[in-house]
Amino acid sequence: MRIRRPRLPRTRTGQRRLVQAVMAACVLALLPATWLYVSTADRLRTTADAPRTEVAVVFGAGLWNGEPSPYLAHRLDAAVRLYRAGRIRAVLVTGDNSRQDYDEPDAMRAYLTRHGVPDGRIVSDYAGFDTWDSCVRAKKIFGVDRALLISQGFHIRRAVALCEAAGVASYGIGVDAKHDATWYYGGTREVFAAGKAALDAVFRPGPRFLGPKEPGLARALAAGR
């Protein structure tokens, strides 16, 4: 069975309409990414000028042999610096624990405690399966109203926009990352993820798993008073 190749328009009018259609499709595809940049323009900070707040949220970024990947380690290092500088009082680590042999939150907790953050100041969200779920659960399950969000630069705008949509007043800390294949993959992925983010922000679906409210964050904050 022969597959026919699509034929390009032969007339100038047809070619012009094809170009216009392609341009319109490109504009529509880039609208969500543009929304992310515009809506978060004044919400990005560094560890040096981050506003003081009670909670930092660190998003999972994969494990290597049970330990935080280099990208995740950079995020956790930023949380350590913020804690040592007195800019935060507790850390919410949110990640994937959908199976027994993969536990991002516990690996993140262990890394933070090894670097000087007291265990009692760390709270784990084991159902942060994606950015939207993490933001919704931070608000509804852990009672976070305001937070510093920590991720790589290519992801932090989406995290801020989604947490704002979920009701968490947020500032983003975009940590440095080596521009390797993972960085380029992440940046490319964000172009497509922006579309889902826009839909999440508009329709606000429930997370994959919600569950009951958890008092861990309130206890972590009360312990330092």
Protein backbone atom coordinates (compact mmCIF):
# COMPACT_ATOMS: atom_id res chain seq x y z
CA MET A 1 0.00 0.00 0.00
CA ARG A 2 1.58 3.25 -1.16
CA ILE A 3 1.46 6.30 1.10
CA ARG A 4 0.77 9.49 -0.75
CA ARG A 5 2.92 12.45 0.09
CA PRO A 6 1.04 15.61 0.97
CA ARG A 7 1.01 18.06 -1.91
CA LEU A 8 1.89 21.67 -1.36
CA PRO A 9 -0.43 24.28 -2.82
CA ARG A 10 0.58 25.30 -6.31
CA THR A 11 -1.08 28.70 -6.39
CA ARG A 12 0.29 31.76 -4.64
CA THR A 13 -2.97 32.15 -2.72
CA GLY A 14 -2.79 28.58 -1.47
CA GLN A 15 0.87 28.95 -0.50
CA ARG A 16 0.14 32.20 1.32
CA ARG A 17 -2.68 30.56 3.27
CA LEU A 18 -0.44 27.65 4.18
CA VAL A 19 2.24 30.01 5.51
CA GLN A 20 -0.39 31.93 7.47
CA ALA A 21 -1.74 28.70 8.96
CA VAL A 22 1.73 27.57 10.00
CA MET A 23 2.47 30.95 11.57
CA ALA A 24 -0.84 30.92 13.44
CA ALA A 25 -0.11 27.42 14.76
CA CYS A 26 3.33 28.55 15.98
CA VAL A 27 1.85 31.57 17.76
CA LEU A 28 -0.79 29.43 19.46
CA ALA A 29 1.84 26.89 20.51
CA LEU A 30 3.98 29.62 22.09
CA LEU A 31 1.15 31.44 23.90
CA PRO A 32 1.35 29.28 27.07
CA ALA A 33 5.12 29.79 27.32
CA THR A 34 4.62 33.52 26.85
CA TRP A 35 2.02 33.50 29.63
CA LEU A 36 4.51 31.84 31.96
CA TYR A 37 7.18 34.46 31.30
CA VAL A 38 4.83 37.40 31.62
CA SER A 39 2.97 36.20 34.71
CA THR A 40 6.15 35.39 36.65
CA ALA A 41 8.34 38.29 35.54
CA ASP A 42 8.52 39.86 39.01
CA ARG A 43 8.48 36.64 41.05
CA LEU A 44 12.02 35.33 40.51
CA ARG A 45 14.78 35.74 43.06
CA THR A 46 18.17 34.29 44.03
CA THR A 47 19.23 32.75 47.32
CA ALA A 48 20.89 36.09 48.14
CA ASP A 49 17.83 38.32 47.73
CA ALA A 50 15.01 35.88 48.49
CA PRO A 51 12.39 37.34 50.85
CA ARG A 52 12.18 35.82 54.29
CA THR A 53 9.34 33.33 54.56
CA GLU A 54 8.50 30.30 56.61
CA VAL A 55 8.59 27.55 53.99
CA ALA A 56 10.65 26.53 50.98
CA VAL A 57 9.27 23.93 48.59
CA VAL A 58 11.81 21.74 46.77
CA PHE A 59 10.49 19.80 43.78
CA GLY A 60 11.83 16.33 43.01
CA ALA A 61 14.12 15.87 40.01
CA GLY A 62 15.02 12.20 39.92
CA LEU A 63 17.32 9.81 41.77
CA TRP A 64 20.54 8.12 40.74
CA ASN A 65 21.05 4.80 42.56
CA GLY A 66 18.78 6.01 45.36
CA GLU A 67 20.55 9.35 45.77
CA PRO A 68 19.45 12.77 44.50
CA SER A 69 20.46 13.39 40.90
CA PRO A 70 22.90 16.28 40.36
CA TYR A 71 20.01 18.52 39.36
CA LEU A 72 18.07 17.65 42.49
CA ALA A 73 21.19 18.06 44.64
CA HIS A 74 21.57 21.63 43.35
CA ARG A 75 18.00 22.37 44.41
CA LEU A 76 18.60 20.93 47.86
CA ASP A 77 21.85 22.87 48.23
CA ALA A 78 19.87 26.07 47.62
CA ALA A 79 17.44 25.08 50.38
CA VAL A 80 20.38 24.50 52.73
CA ARG A 81 21.77 27.96 51.97
CA LEU A 82 18.39 29.57 52.58
CA TYR A 83 18.00 27.74 55.89
CA ARG A 84 21.50 28.65 57.09
CA ALA A 85 20.87 32.29 56.15
CA GLY A 86 17.68 32.32 58.22
CA ARG A 87 15.47 33.07 55.23
CA ILE A 88 13.30 29.97 55.74
CA ARG A 89 12.28 27.95 58.79
CA ALA A 90 11.08 24.70 57.21
CA VAL A 91 11.47 22.76 53.96
CA LEU A 92 8.71 20.86 52.19
CA VAL A 93 10.22 18.22 49.90
CA THR A 94 7.76 17.00 47.30
CA GLY A 95 8.34 14.16 44.91
CA ASP A 96 7.44 10.72 43.61
CA ASN A 97 7.02 7.69 45.86
CA SER A 98 4.62 5.76 43.65
CA ARG A 99 6.50 2.49 44.15
CA GLN A 100 8.50 0.94 46.99
CA ASP A 101 11.86 1.03 45.21
CA TYR A 102 11.65 4.73 44.34
CA ASP A 103 11.38 7.33 47.08
CA GLU A 104 12.35 10.88 46.18
CA PRO A 105 11.14 12.60 49.39
CA ASP A 106 13.10 10.34 51.75
CA ALA A 107 16.26 10.71 49.64
CA MET A 108 15.79 14.48 49.71
CA ARG A 109 15.26 14.46 53.49
CA ALA A 110 18.41 12.39 54.03
CA TYR A 111 20.45 14.77 51.86
CA LEU A 112 19.21 17.83 53.75
CA THR A 113 19.92 16.35 57.17
CA ARG A 114 23.45 15.39 56.08
CA HIS A 115 23.97 19.05 55.17
CA GLY A 116 22.78 20.46 58.45
CA VAL A 117 19.02 20.98 58.18
CA PRO A 118 17.37 19.47 61.29
CA ASP A 119 15.11 16.54 60.53
CA GLY A 120 12.29 18.18 62.47
CA ARG A 121 12.32 21.11 60.03
CA ILE A 122 11.75 18.88 56.98
CA VAL A 123 8.30 17.75 55.83
CA SER A 124 7.76 15.14 53.12
CA ASP A 125 5.09 15.05 50.45
CA TYR A 126 5.12 11.57 48.96
CA ALA A 127 2.49 12.27 46.28
CA GLY A 128 4.08 15.13 44.36
CA PHE A 129 3.75 13.30 41.06
CA ASP A 130 3.95 16.47 38.98
CA THR A 131 4.26 20.20 39.53
CA TRP A 132 0.52 20.88 39.69
CA ASP A 133 -0.05 18.06 42.19
CA SER A 134 2.78 19.37 44.36
CA CYS A 135 1.35 22.90 44.37
CA VAL A 136 -2.22 21.82 45.13
CA ARG A 137 -1.10 19.49 47.91
CA ALA A 138 1.16 22.17 49.40
CA LYS A 139 -1.92 24.36 49.77
CA LYS A 140 -4.66 21.87 50.64
CA ILE A 141 -2.78 19.18 52.54
CA PHE A 142 0.05 21.06 54.22
CA GLY A 143 -1.56 24.49 54.57
CA VAL A 144 1.13 26.46 52.74
CA ASP A 145 -0.04 30.00 51.96
CA ARG A 146 3.32 31.53 51.02
CA ALA A 147 6.56 29.88 49.96
CA LEU A 148 9.88 30.07 48.20
CA LEU A 149 9.96 27.54 45.39
CA ILE A 150 13.26 25.95 44.38
CA SER A 151 13.98 24.39 41.00
CA GLN A 152 16.15 24.84 37.91
CA GLY A 153 15.71 27.97 35.84
CA PHE A 154 13.97 26.19 32.98
CA HIS A 155 11.24 24.90 35.34
CA ILE A 156 10.87 27.57 38.00
CA ARG A 157 8.51 29.85 36.07
CA ARG A 158 6.03 27.04 35.58
CA ALA A 159 6.29 26.12 39.26
CA VAL A 160 5.59 29.70 40.34
CA ALA A 161 2.66 30.13 37.97
CA LEU A 162 1.05 26.88 39.04
CA CYS A 163 1.51 27.45 42.76
CA GLU A 164 0.05 30.93 42.38
CA ALA A 165 -2.94 29.35 40.60
CA ALA A 166 -3.24 26.85 43.45
CA GLY A 167 -3.40 29.65 46.02
CA VAL A 168 0.21 29.73 47.23
CA ALA A 169 1.84 33.18 47.06
CA SER A 170 5.21 32.25 45.59
CA TYR A 171 8.67 33.48 44.75
CA GLY A 172 10.91 31.27 42.65
CA ILE A 173 14.58 30.48 43.17
CA GLY A 174 16.06 29.27 39.88
CA VAL A 175 19.28 27.45 40.70
CA ASP A 176 22.20 27.23 38.29
CA ALA A 177 22.65 24.12 36.19
CA LYS A 178 25.26 22.83 33.76
CA HIS A 179 24.06 23.25 30.18
CA ASP A 180 24.29 19.57 29.32
CA ALA A 181 21.89 17.27 27.44
CA THR A 182 19.58 17.13 30.46
CA TRP A 183 19.36 20.93 30.59
CA TYR A 184 18.51 21.20 26.89
CA TYR A 185 15.96 18.40 27.22
CA GLY A 186 14.40 20.16 30.19
CA GLY A 187 14.21 23.47 28.38
CA THR A 188 12.60 21.88 25.32
CA ARG A 189 10.17 19.93 27.47
CA GLU A 190 9.03 23.13 29.16
CA VAL A 191 7.73 24.50 25.86
CA PHE A 192 5.28 21.61 25.69
CA ALA A 193 4.65 21.47 29.45
CA ALA A 194 3.55 25.10 29.35
CA GLY A 195 0.42 24.04 27.50
CA LYS A 196 -0.57 21.60 30.24
CA ALA A 197 0.27 24.22 32.86
CA ALA A 198 -2.11 26.69 31.23
CA LEU A 199 -4.88 24.09 31.25
CA ASP A 200 -4.18 23.22 34.90
CA ALA A 201 -4.29 26.90 35.87
CA VAL A 202 -7.61 27.42 34.08
CA PHE A 203 -9.47 24.23 34.97
CA ARG A 204 -7.70 23.45 38.29
CA PRO A 205 -8.13 19.67 38.32
CA GLY A 206 -7.72 17.69 41.51
CA PRO A 207 -4.34 16.01 42.09
CA ARG A 208 -3.86 12.32 41.39
CA PHE A 209 -3.96 11.71 45.14
CA LEU A 210 -5.20 14.21 47.72
CA GLY A 211 -5.86 12.48 51.03
CA PRO A 212 -6.35 14.05 54.48
CA LYS A 213 -4.64 17.16 55.78
CA GLU A 214 -1.26 16.59 57.42
CA PRO A 215 0.01 18.51 60.47
CA GLY A 216 3.72 17.98 59.80
CA LEU A 217 4.45 21.46 58.54
CA ALA A 218 2.64 23.17 61.40
CA ARG A 219 4.66 21.08 63.85
CA ALA A 220 7.91 21.89 62.06
CA LEU A 221 7.20 25.60 62.27
CA ALA A 222 6.02 25.46 65.88
CA ALA A 223 9.20 23.63 66.92
CA GLY A 224 11.31 26.71 66.25
CA ARG A 225 9.25 29.14 68.29
